[in-house]
Amino acid sequence: MSTHNVWTHKGTFLLAAVGSAVGLGNLWRFPYLAGENGGGAFLLIYALTIFAVGIPILIAETMLGRNSRRSPIMGMRFLTRTHKTSRAWESIGWLGAVSAFIILSFYSVIAGWAIHYTGRMLTGSLQGADATTVAAGFDTLLASPALLTLYHTLFIAASALVVGLGVHRGIENSLRILMPALFVILMVVLAYAAMIGDLSVAADFLFTFDVANLSLEGWLAAMGQSFFTLSLGMGAIMAYGAYMSGEASLTRTAFTIAIVDTAVALIAGLAIFALVFGAGLDPAEGPGLMFVTLPLAFAEMPGGALLGAIFFILVLGAALSSAISLIEPVAAYLVERFDLSRPQAVSAMVIASWALGLLTVFSFNRWAQASIFHALFGRSAFSLLELLTNIFMPLGGLLISLFAGWALTHGEVTKEMRTGETWFRVWRLLVRFVAPAAVAFVFLRTIPQVQGYWIPTIGAVVIVGAFAAGRSFLAERHAS
C-alpha cells in the first residue's frame, strides 16, 4: 500500500528536512567540537565531508523514499522486490525505524530539560545565582525521576500531537510556523549576544585555523558530525522523501539543507560562546554547556531572564522539529502495514518510546551507579541506548549508499535527480565508493569502545551488505 500524501508545496520537504537536522546537536555539540578541534581546520574537514559523504547519502536516502512512495520499511520491501535484490536490503528500513524509536526515547528526556529551564527563566528563579547554585539546580533536576518523567511526558506528548494530526494538518502546518520562528529567535539571541557578550573572542574560538589542534580524533569528530547532523540513517529523510514532489530537485534541495543546517550551527555557536566569554565562563563544558554554563551566563546579564527564556524556547522548538521526524518513520509503517489510523499508529509508537525513555530517566538517578546494565555492559541504560544508535545509524547510511549506488539503475537515478551527466557521475562515484568508505572508517574506529561480542555482528552485517551490493551490480551488468 503506497502513501498518497505529497507535500502541498515543493519547499515543504526542505523545511521538514531542515527541521529534522536542526536539533540539540546544532546548538551546542557542533560549536563545541569546532572550538576544541582547530576551529577553521575542523570546519574545513566538516565541509569536505558534508560534500563527499553527507550530501550524496542525503540525496540517496531522499531518492529511495520518493522512488518507493512508502514508509522506510515498506519502501525497502517494495524496492527489493522491484529490483530483484536480496531481501537483506530491507534491513535499511528496519535499522532506520529502530534508530528513530530509540533516539526518540532518550531525546525526549533531554529535550524535557529545556522545559524545566524555560520555566526557571520565566520565573526569574536563577537571576543573580552563582555557579554553585546553578550547578546544584541541574543536579537536583537529574536526581528527580518524577520531574524528569513529567517533562519527558509533556515533550513527547506535544510531538505526538503534531504528527497525529497528519502530514498536512500536523507536520506541514507546524513546520511552516515553527522553522521561520526558530530562525527569528536565533537571530534575536545573536543580536543580544553581540551587544552584551564578546563576539570577537567567540569568532576567534570558532574560526581560528589551527591545524595543530586537529588530531585524528578531531578528523573523526568532524566526519561523524557531518553524518549525524543531517539525520541520515534513521528513516526520517526517507519518510519525508516519500511525500516529496516529483518536480523538486534532489540535488538543489540537499545542498540547501546542508548549508542551512551548518549556518544554524555556526550562528548558534557565535551567539552561545559570545555570551559564555562575555560572562568570563569556561566554554569547555560539553553537555553541561547548555544547562549549567549558559544559565549561569544568563543569570549574570541584564535582561538575562527574558533572553534565557527565549533561548530555551528556541531549544525546545529545535528539539520538537527533530522529534516530529523521529515519530514519522515508525508511525507511517504502522499505518501502511497494519491499516491503523494515524492517531492509533502515533499513539502506539509514542507510548512504547515513552516507556523505553524511562530507562534514560532512571539512568541519571536511581540507576546512576548500580543496575543490571552496568553489571552486563559496563555502562548506563542511557549510554547503552546511545551506543546502539551510534551503531545502527552509520550502518543504515552505509547500506543506503550501497543500495542507491549499485542497485538503482542509471535511468532511475537520472530521472529522479534530473541533473547533468557530469554531476550524476560525480554523485555515483561518491555514493558508491567514497561515502561508504568514509562512513565505514568512522564506524570501525568506534569498535575498540564497544564490547567484543558486538564485533562479529557488525562485521557480518557489513559483509552481507557488500556481498548484496556486488550481486546487484553484477545483475545490472548482466541485464545491460
Protein backbone atom coordinates (compact mmCIF):
# COMPACT_ATOMS: atom_id res chain seq x y z
CA MET A 1 0.00 0.00 0.00
CA SER A 2 1.73 3.22 -1.09
CA THR A 3 1.14 6.53 0.57
CA HIS A 4 -0.74 9.18 -1.42
CA ASN A 5 0.42 12.08 0.73
CA VAL A 6 2.58 14.68 -1.02
CA TRP A 7 3.76 17.97 0.47
CA THR A 8 1.43 20.72 -0.76
CA HIS A 9 4.43 22.90 -1.63
CA LYS A 10 7.79 21.90 -3.10
CA GLY A 11 9.64 23.81 -0.39
CA THR A 12 7.97 21.94 2.47
CA PHE A 13 10.37 18.99 2.21
CA LEU A 14 13.19 21.47 2.69
CA LEU A 15 11.53 22.80 5.86
CA ALA A 16 10.89 19.26 7.10
CA ALA A 17 14.42 18.04 6.43
CA VAL A 18 15.99 21.14 7.97
CA GLY A 19 13.69 20.72 10.96
CA SER A 20 14.86 17.14 11.32
CA ALA A 21 18.52 18.15 11.01
CA VAL A 22 18.44 21.20 13.28
CA GLY A 23 18.30 19.99 16.86
CA LEU A 24 20.17 19.92 20.15
CA GLY A 25 23.43 18.92 18.44
CA ASN A 26 23.48 22.12 16.39
CA LEU A 27 23.03 24.32 19.44
CA TRP A 28 25.97 23.04 21.47
CA ARG A 29 27.78 19.95 20.12
CA PHE A 30 28.86 21.35 16.75
CA PRO A 31 30.25 24.67 18.10
CA TYR A 32 31.95 22.90 20.99
CA LEU A 33 33.63 20.35 18.70
CA ALA A 34 34.76 23.06 16.30
CA GLY A 35 36.25 25.19 19.06
CA GLU A 36 38.14 22.29 20.63
CA ASN A 37 39.45 20.79 17.36
CA GLY A 38 41.22 23.52 15.48
CA GLY A 39 38.34 25.88 14.69
CA GLY A 40 38.57 26.63 10.97
CA ALA A 41 40.52 23.41 10.34
CA PHE A 42 37.66 21.41 11.84
CA LEU A 43 35.15 23.37 9.75
CA LEU A 44 37.16 22.64 6.58
CA ILE A 45 37.12 18.88 7.23
CA TYR A 46 33.44 19.10 8.13
CA ALA A 47 32.62 20.95 4.89
CA LEU A 48 34.58 18.49 2.75
CA THR A 49 32.87 15.54 4.44
CA ILE A 50 29.45 17.14 4.06
CA PHE A 51 30.07 17.34 0.30
CA ALA A 52 31.70 13.94 -0.14
CA VAL A 53 29.60 11.93 2.35
CA GLY A 54 26.63 13.81 3.79
CA ILE A 55 25.09 15.26 0.63
CA PRO A 56 25.49 12.10 -1.53
CA ILE A 57 23.82 9.93 1.15
CA LEU A 58 21.15 12.61 1.76
CA ILE A 59 20.31 12.53 -1.97
CA ALA A 60 20.34 8.72 -1.92
CA GLU A 61 18.04 8.42 1.10
CA THR A 62 15.60 11.00 -0.26
CA MET A 63 15.64 9.23 -3.62
CA LEU A 64 14.75 5.88 -2.04
CA GLY A 65 11.81 7.48 -0.25
CA ARG A 66 10.50 9.32 -3.29
CA ASN A 67 11.03 6.32 -5.56
CA SER A 68 9.03 3.99 -3.30
CA ARG A 69 6.39 6.49 -2.02
CA ARG A 70 6.19 4.36 1.13
CA SER A 71 7.43 4.31 4.71
CA PRO A 72 11.11 3.27 5.04
CA ILE A 73 10.36 -0.36 5.96
CA MET A 74 7.62 -0.93 3.37
CA GLY A 75 9.55 1.18 0.87
CA MET A 76 12.65 -1.00 1.05
CA ARG A 77 10.45 -4.11 0.83
CA PHE A 78 8.95 -2.65 -2.37
CA LEU A 79 12.34 -1.67 -3.83
CA THR A 80 13.95 -5.04 -3.14
CA ARG A 81 11.03 -6.72 -4.96
CA THR A 82 11.02 -4.39 -7.96
CA HIS A 83 14.82 -4.53 -8.33
CA LYS A 84 15.04 -8.28 -7.69
CA THR A 85 17.67 -7.86 -4.99
CA SER A 86 18.22 -9.73 -1.73
CA ARG A 87 15.58 -9.16 0.94
CA ALA A 88 18.51 -8.45 3.28
CA TRP A 89 18.35 -4.87 1.96
CA GLU A 90 15.08 -4.45 3.90
CA SER A 91 17.34 -4.05 6.92
CA ILE A 92 17.84 -0.44 5.77
CA GLY A 93 14.24 0.34 6.67
CA TRP A 94 14.37 -1.58 9.94
CA LEU A 95 17.66 -0.01 11.04
CA GLY A 96 16.21 3.44 10.40
CA ALA A 97 12.95 2.75 12.22
CA VAL A 98 14.64 1.17 15.24
CA SER A 99 17.14 4.05 15.41
CA ALA A 100 14.33 6.62 15.32
CA PHE A 101 12.40 4.74 18.01
CA ILE A 102 15.40 4.51 20.36
CA ILE A 103 16.60 8.08 19.74
CA LEU A 104 13.15 9.49 20.48
CA SER A 105 13.10 7.68 23.81
CA PHE A 106 16.17 9.47 25.21
CA TYR A 107 15.97 12.62 23.08
CA SER A 108 12.60 13.38 24.66
CA VAL A 109 14.08 13.12 28.17
CA ILE A 110 16.94 15.51 27.37
CA ALA A 111 14.66 17.92 25.49
CA GLY A 112 12.46 17.92 28.58
CA TRP A 113 15.28 19.61 30.47
CA ALA A 114 14.66 22.67 28.29
CA ILE A 115 11.07 22.81 29.58
CA HIS A 116 12.45 23.00 33.12
CA TYR A 117 14.88 25.80 32.27
CA THR A 118 12.31 27.75 30.29
CA GLY A 119 10.16 27.80 33.42
CA ARG A 120 13.07 28.79 35.65
CA MET A 121 13.99 31.63 33.32
CA LEU A 122 10.42 32.92 33.05
CA THR A 123 10.01 32.93 36.84
CA GLY A 124 13.40 34.61 37.31
CA SER A 125 14.45 32.00 39.87
CA LEU A 126 18.01 31.91 38.51
CA GLN A 127 18.53 35.68 38.41
CA GLY A 128 21.73 36.53 40.27
CA ALA A 129 22.51 32.88 41.04
CA ASP A 130 26.15 31.87 41.42
CA ALA A 131 27.92 28.89 39.80
CA THR A 132 27.33 26.61 42.79
CA THR A 133 23.60 27.34 42.84
CA VAL A 134 23.18 26.77 39.08
CA ALA A 135 25.16 23.51 39.14
CA ALA A 136 23.25 22.28 42.20
CA GLY A 137 19.96 23.08 40.45
CA PHE A 138 20.93 20.92 37.48
CA ASP A 139 21.98 18.07 39.78
CA THR A 140 18.64 18.36 41.62
CA LEU A 141 16.78 18.06 38.32
CA LEU A 142 18.69 14.92 37.33
CA ALA A 143 18.14 13.41 40.77
CA SER A 144 14.34 13.66 40.46
CA PRO A 145 12.73 10.82 38.45
CA ALA A 146 9.32 12.44 38.95
CA LEU A 147 10.34 15.75 37.38
CA LEU A 148 12.24 14.10 34.52
CA THR A 149 9.27 11.83 33.79
CA LEU A 150 6.87 14.78 33.82
CA TYR A 151 8.95 16.78 31.32
CA HIS A 152 9.59 13.67 29.22
CA THR A 153 5.83 13.05 29.08
CA LEU A 154 4.96 16.65 28.19
CA PHE A 155 7.52 16.85 25.41
CA ILE A 156 6.75 13.51 23.77
CA ALA A 157 3.00 14.18 24.01
CA ALA A 158 3.42 17.53 22.22
CA SER A 159 5.44 15.82 19.48
CA ALA A 160 2.81 13.10 19.14
CA LEU A 161 0.01 15.65 18.86
CA VAL A 162 1.65 17.30 15.85
CA VAL A 163 2.32 14.03 13.99
CA GLY A 164 -1.07 12.58 14.96
CA LEU A 165 -2.85 15.41 13.13
CA GLY A 166 -1.45 14.10 9.85
CA VAL A 167 1.10 15.02 7.19
CA HIS A 168 -0.66 18.22 6.07
CA ARG A 169 -2.61 19.44 9.12
CA GLY A 170 0.06 18.41 11.62
CA ILE A 171 3.61 18.17 10.31
CA GLU A 172 3.37 20.58 7.38
CA ASN A 173 1.41 23.35 9.11
CA SER A 174 3.51 23.19 12.27
CA LEU A 175 6.81 23.35 10.36
CA ARG A 176 5.67 26.37 8.37
CA ILE A 177 5.26 28.25 11.65
CA LEU A 178 7.97 26.60 13.74
CA MET A 179 11.00 26.83 11.44
CA PRO A 180 10.75 30.54 10.50
CA ALA A 181 10.07 31.33 14.17
CA LEU A 182 13.20 29.43 15.20
CA PHE A 183 15.37 31.38 12.76
CA VAL A 184 13.94 34.69 14.01
CA ILE A 185 14.60 33.73 17.64
CA LEU A 186 18.13 32.61 16.75
CA MET A 187 18.89 35.98 15.16
CA VAL A 188 17.44 37.79 18.22
CA VAL A 189 19.74 35.79 20.50
CA LEU A 190 22.73 36.53 18.22
CA ALA A 191 21.94 40.26 18.20
CA TYR A 192 21.71 40.33 22.00
CA ALA A 193 24.93 38.31 22.30
CA ALA A 194 26.71 40.78 20.00
CA MET A 195 25.62 43.70 22.21
CA ILE A 196 26.15 42.14 25.64
CA GLY A 197 28.74 39.39 25.05
CA ASP A 198 32.15 39.11 23.41
CA LEU A 199 31.52 38.26 19.77
CA SER A 200 35.13 38.75 18.61
CA VAL A 201 36.51 36.18 21.07
CA ALA A 202 33.72 33.77 20.11
CA ALA A 203 34.63 34.18 16.43
CA ASP A 204 38.31 33.53 17.21
CA PHE A 205 37.35 30.43 19.21
CA LEU A 206 35.27 29.02 16.35
CA PHE A 207 37.13 30.13 13.22
CA THR A 208 40.85 30.32 14.04
CA PHE A 209 42.53 27.93 11.62
CA ASP A 210 44.70 25.76 13.89
CA VAL A 211 45.82 22.54 12.20
CA ALA A 212 47.95 21.60 15.21
CA ASN A 213 44.81 21.11 17.32
CA LEU A 214 43.14 18.88 14.70
CA SER A 215 44.09 15.36 15.77
CA LEU A 216 42.89 12.15 14.15
CA GLU A 217 40.07 12.10 16.68
CA GLY A 218 39.20 15.64 15.59
CA TRP A 219 39.03 14.48 11.98
CA LEU A 220 36.75 11.63 13.01
CA ALA A 221 34.60 14.01 15.06
CA ALA A 222 34.22 16.32 12.03
CA MET A 223 33.32 13.39 9.77
CA GLY A 224 30.91 11.92 12.31
CA GLN A 225 29.23 15.27 12.92
CA SER A 226 28.71 15.80 9.18
CA PHE A 227 26.86 12.47 9.01
CA PHE A 228 24.76 12.73 12.16
CA THR A 229 23.80 16.39 11.73
CA LEU A 230 21.81 15.65 8.57
CA SER A 231 19.68 12.98 10.32
CA LEU A 232 20.91 10.30 7.95
CA GLY A 233 20.25 6.62 8.53
CA MET A 234 17.30 6.97 10.91
CA GLY A 235 14.45 6.79 8.42
CA ALA A 236 13.29 10.41 8.75
CA ILE A 237 14.69 11.64 5.43
CA MET A 238 13.36 8.57 3.61
CA ALA A 239 9.92 9.02 5.20
CA TYR A 240 9.81 12.71 4.30
CA GLY A 241 11.17 11.94 0.82
CA ALA A 242 8.13 9.73 0.21
CA TYR A 243 5.98 12.89 0.39
CA MET A 244 8.32 14.95 -1.82
CA SER A 245 7.05 16.33 -5.11
CA GLY A 246 8.49 14.64 -8.18
CA GLU A 247 9.28 18.08 -9.59
CA ALA A 248 11.57 19.16 -6.73
CA SER A 249 15.32 18.98 -7.37
CA LEU A 250 17.04 16.44 -5.15
CA THR A 251 20.48 17.97 -5.63
CA ARG A 252 19.49 21.59 -5.04
CA THR A 253 17.42 20.62 -2.00
CA ALA A 254 20.23 18.51 -0.49
CA PHE A 255 22.79 21.31 -0.84
CA THR A 256 20.35 23.82 0.65
CA ILE A 257 19.64 21.57 3.64
CA ALA A 258 23.37 21.13 4.31
CA ILE A 259 24.07 24.88 4.02
CA VAL A 260 21.16 25.93 6.25
CA ASP A 261 21.96 23.27 8.86
CA THR A 262 25.61 24.38 9.02
CA ALA A 263 24.65 28.06 9.12
CA VAL A 264 22.33 27.46 12.08
CA ALA A 265 25.11 25.63 13.93
CA LEU A 266 27.61 28.43 13.28
CA ILE A 267 25.21 31.23 14.24
CA ALA A 268 24.22 29.37 17.40
CA GLY A 269 27.89 28.82 18.18
CA LEU A 270 28.71 32.52 17.80
CA ALA A 271 25.76 33.52 19.99
CA ILE A 272 26.38 30.92 22.71
CA PHE A 273 30.12 31.46 23.01
CA ALA A 274 29.78 35.25 22.84
CA LEU A 275 27.55 35.01 25.92
CA VAL A 276 29.86 32.50 27.63
CA PHE A 277 33.04 34.52 27.01
CA GLY A 278 31.26 37.77 27.83
CA ALA A 279 30.43 36.36 31.26
CA GLY A 280 34.01 35.10 31.72
CA LEU A 281 32.94 31.45 31.87
CA ASP A 282 34.57 28.24 30.62
CA PRO A 283 33.36 27.14 27.15
CA ALA A 284 34.72 23.60 27.51
CA GLU A 285 31.76 22.15 29.38
CA GLY A 286 30.41 19.63 26.85
CA PRO A 287 26.81 18.64 27.69
CA GLY A 288 26.85 20.95 30.70
CA LEU A 289 27.38 23.95 28.42
CA MET A 290 23.67 24.36 27.71
CA PHE A 291 22.25 23.51 31.12
CA VAL A 292 24.92 24.85 33.51
CA THR A 293 27.22 27.38 31.83
CA LEU A 294 24.57 29.20 29.77
CA PRO A 295 22.02 29.56 32.61
CA LEU A 296 24.87 30.99 34.71
CA ALA A 297 25.69 33.46 31.91
CA PHE A 298 22.04 34.49 31.67
CA ALA A 299 21.86 34.91 35.46
CA GLU A 300 24.67 37.47 35.36
CA MET A 301 23.36 39.58 32.44
CA PRO A 302 20.93 42.48 32.29
CA GLY A 303 17.65 41.15 30.93
CA GLY A 304 19.14 37.67 31.13
CA ALA A 305 15.97 36.02 32.42
CA LEU A 306 13.96 37.09 29.37
CA LEU A 307 16.74 36.21 26.93
CA GLY A 308 17.25 32.88 28.69
CA ALA A 309 13.56 32.05 28.31
CA ILE A 310 13.71 32.99 24.62
CA PHE A 311 16.81 30.83 24.16
CA PHE A 312 15.30 27.76 25.79
CA ILE A 313 12.13 28.20 23.74
CA LEU A 314 14.49 28.05 20.73
CA VAL A 315 15.98 24.85 22.11
CA LEU A 316 12.51 23.37 22.62
CA GLY A 317 11.41 24.30 19.11
CA ALA A 318 14.52 22.77 17.55
CA ALA A 319 14.07 19.62 19.61
CA LEU A 320 10.37 19.42 18.69
CA SER A 321 11.06 19.67 14.95
CA SER A 322 13.56 16.80 15.28
CA ALA A 323 11.23 14.69 17.44
CA ILE A 324 8.46 15.01 14.85
CA SER A 325 10.77 13.49 12.26
CA LEU A 326 11.63 10.62 14.63
CA ILE A 327 7.98 9.63 15.07
CA GLU A 328 7.06 9.68 11.38
CA PRO A 329 9.05 6.64 10.03
CA VAL A 330 7.55 4.21 12.55
CA ALA A 331 4.06 5.75 12.52
CA ALA A 332 3.92 5.65 8.70
CA TYR A 333 4.92 1.96 8.78
CA LEU A 334 2.20 1.09 11.29
CA VAL A 335 -0.39 2.88 9.13
CA GLU A 336 0.69 1.04 5.97
CA ARG A 337 1.37 -2.39 7.41
CA PHE A 338 -1.49 -2.76 9.91
CA ASP A 339 -4.02 -0.33 8.45
CA LEU A 340 -4.16 1.68 11.67
CA SER A 341 -5.45 5.21 11.72
CA ARG A 342 -2.72 7.84 12.09
CA PRO A 343 -3.68 8.70 15.71
CA GLN A 344 -3.60 5.00 16.60
CA ALA A 345 -0.21 4.47 14.95
CA VAL A 346 1.33 7.55 16.56
CA SER A 347 -0.08 6.61 19.96
CA ALA A 348 1.35 3.09 19.75
CA MET A 349 4.79 4.31 18.72
CA VAL A 350 4.97 7.14 21.24
CA ILE A 351 3.71 5.13 24.22
CA ALA A 352 6.31 2.43 23.57
CA SER A 353 9.08 5.01 23.09
CA TRP A 354 7.95 6.85 26.23
CA ALA A 355 8.21 3.61 28.22
CA LEU A 356 11.72 2.97 26.86
CA GLY A 357 12.61 6.54 27.81
CA LEU A 358 12.07 5.66 31.48
CA LEU A 359 15.35 3.72 31.28
CA THR A 360 17.07 7.01 30.47
CA VAL A 361 15.19 8.82 33.26
CA PHE A 362 16.43 6.33 35.84
CA SER A 363 19.97 6.34 34.39
CA PHE A 364 20.52 9.77 35.93
CA ASN A 365 19.40 8.89 39.47
CA ARG A 366 18.25 5.50 40.79
CA TRP A 367 20.40 3.51 38.36
CA ALA A 368 23.23 6.04 38.11
CA GLN A 369 25.81 3.71 39.63
CA ALA A 370 24.27 0.27 40.07
CA SER A 371 21.94 -1.52 37.68
CA ILE A 372 21.73 -4.60 35.52
CA PHE A 373 23.04 -2.51 32.61
CA HIS A 374 26.20 -1.59 34.50
CA ALA A 375 26.65 -5.23 35.50
CA LEU A 376 26.15 -6.62 31.98
CA PHE A 377 27.51 -3.86 29.74
CA GLY A 378 29.63 -1.67 31.96
CA ARG A 379 27.54 1.39 31.12
CA SER A 380 24.22 3.03 31.99
CA ALA A 381 20.98 2.28 30.15
CA PHE A 382 21.13 5.74 28.53
CA SER A 383 24.71 5.17 27.39
CA LEU A 384 23.77 1.75 26.00
CA LEU A 385 20.81 3.15 24.03
CA GLU A 386 23.02 5.92 22.66
CA LEU A 387 25.65 3.36 21.68
CA LEU A 388 23.09 1.27 19.80
CA THR A 389 22.02 4.27 17.70
CA ASN A 390 25.68 5.10 17.02
CA ILE A 391 25.90 1.61 15.52
CA PHE A 392 22.57 1.44 13.68
CA MET A 393 22.64 4.88 12.05
CA PRO A 394 26.04 4.58 10.32
CA LEU A 395 25.17 1.02 9.28
CA GLY A 396 21.93 2.28 7.77
CA GLY A 397 23.73 5.12 5.99
CA LEU A 398 26.35 2.71 4.65
CA LEU A 399 23.70 0.35 3.27
CA ILE A 400 21.66 3.25 1.83
CA SER A 401 24.66 4.47 -0.17
CA LEU A 402 25.46 0.96 -1.40
CA PHE A 403 21.88 0.20 -2.44
CA ALA A 404 21.33 3.55 -4.17
CA GLY A 405 24.73 3.40 -5.82
CA TRP A 406 24.61 -0.20 -7.07
CA ALA A 407 21.01 -1.44 -7.18
CA LEU A 408 19.25 1.58 -8.72
CA THR A 409 19.65 1.80 -12.48
CA HIS A 410 21.20 4.67 -14.41
CA GLY A 411 17.80 5.58 -15.83
CA GLU A 412 16.09 5.64 -12.44
CA VAL A 413 18.74 7.84 -10.87
CA THR A 414 18.91 10.36 -13.71
CA LYS A 415 15.10 10.54 -13.76
CA GLU A 416 15.00 11.24 -10.02
CA MET A 417 17.98 13.60 -9.91
CA ARG A 418 17.12 15.50 -13.10
CA THR A 419 20.69 16.66 -13.44
CA GLY A 420 23.52 16.70 -15.92
CA GLU A 421 25.66 13.67 -16.69
CA THR A 422 28.73 15.22 -15.02
CA TRP A 423 27.09 15.65 -11.60
CA PHE A 424 25.46 12.23 -11.96
CA ARG A 425 28.91 10.64 -12.45
CA VAL A 426 30.37 12.57 -9.51
CA TRP A 427 27.44 11.61 -7.27
CA ARG A 428 27.63 7.95 -8.25
CA LEU A 429 31.38 7.83 -7.61
CA LEU A 430 30.87 9.41 -4.19
CA VAL A 431 27.89 7.27 -3.19
CA ARG A 432 29.40 4.00 -4.46
CA PHE A 433 32.92 4.33 -3.09
CA VAL A 434 33.82 7.49 -1.15
CA ALA A 435 30.80 7.75 1.16
CA PRO A 436 30.71 4.04 2.15
CA ALA A 437 34.46 4.04 2.81
CA ALA A 438 34.27 7.20 4.94
CA VAL A 439 31.26 6.02 6.96
CA ALA A 440 32.85 2.60 7.46
CA PHE A 441 36.09 4.22 8.61
CA VAL A 442 34.37 6.39 11.21
CA PHE A 443 32.20 3.47 12.22
CA LEU A 444 35.02 0.93 12.57
CA ARG A 445 37.04 3.37 14.64
CA THR A 446 34.36 3.11 17.34
CA ILE A 447 34.76 -0.67 17.65
CA PRO A 448 37.51 -0.52 20.33
CA GLN A 449 34.98 1.32 22.53
CA VAL A 450 32.42 -1.44 22.04
CA GLN A 451 32.18 -4.73 23.90
CA GLY A 452 33.83 -7.54 21.96
CA TYR A 453 30.69 -9.54 21.21
CA TRP A 454 29.34 -6.70 19.04
CA ILE A 455 32.22 -7.03 16.56
CA PRO A 456 31.13 -10.27 14.83
CA THR A 457 27.60 -8.89 14.41
CA ILE A 458 28.83 -5.62 12.92
CA GLY A 459 31.30 -7.39 10.63
CA ALA A 460 28.64 -9.84 9.43
CA VAL A 461 26.20 -7.05 8.53
CA VAL A 462 28.89 -5.11 6.64
CA ILE A 463 29.96 -8.24 4.74
CA VAL A 464 26.34 -9.13 3.88
CA GLY A 465 25.76 -5.58 2.67
CA ALA A 466 28.89 -5.60 0.50
CA PHE A 467 28.02 -9.04 -0.91
CA ALA A 468 24.46 -7.95 -1.73
CA ALA A 469 25.81 -4.80 -3.39
CA GLY A 470 28.14 -6.89 -5.53
CA ARG A 471 25.31 -9.18 -6.60
CA SER A 472 23.15 -6.20 -7.52
CA PHE A 473 25.96 -4.73 -9.61
CA LEU A 474 26.59 -7.98 -11.47
CA ALA A 475 22.86 -8.37 -12.12
CA GLU A 476 22.71 -4.85 -13.55
CA ARG A 477 25.76 -5.50 -15.76
CA HIS A 478 24.27 -8.79 -16.96
CA ALA A 479 20.89 -7.17 -17.73
CA SER A 480 22.55 -4.42 -19.78
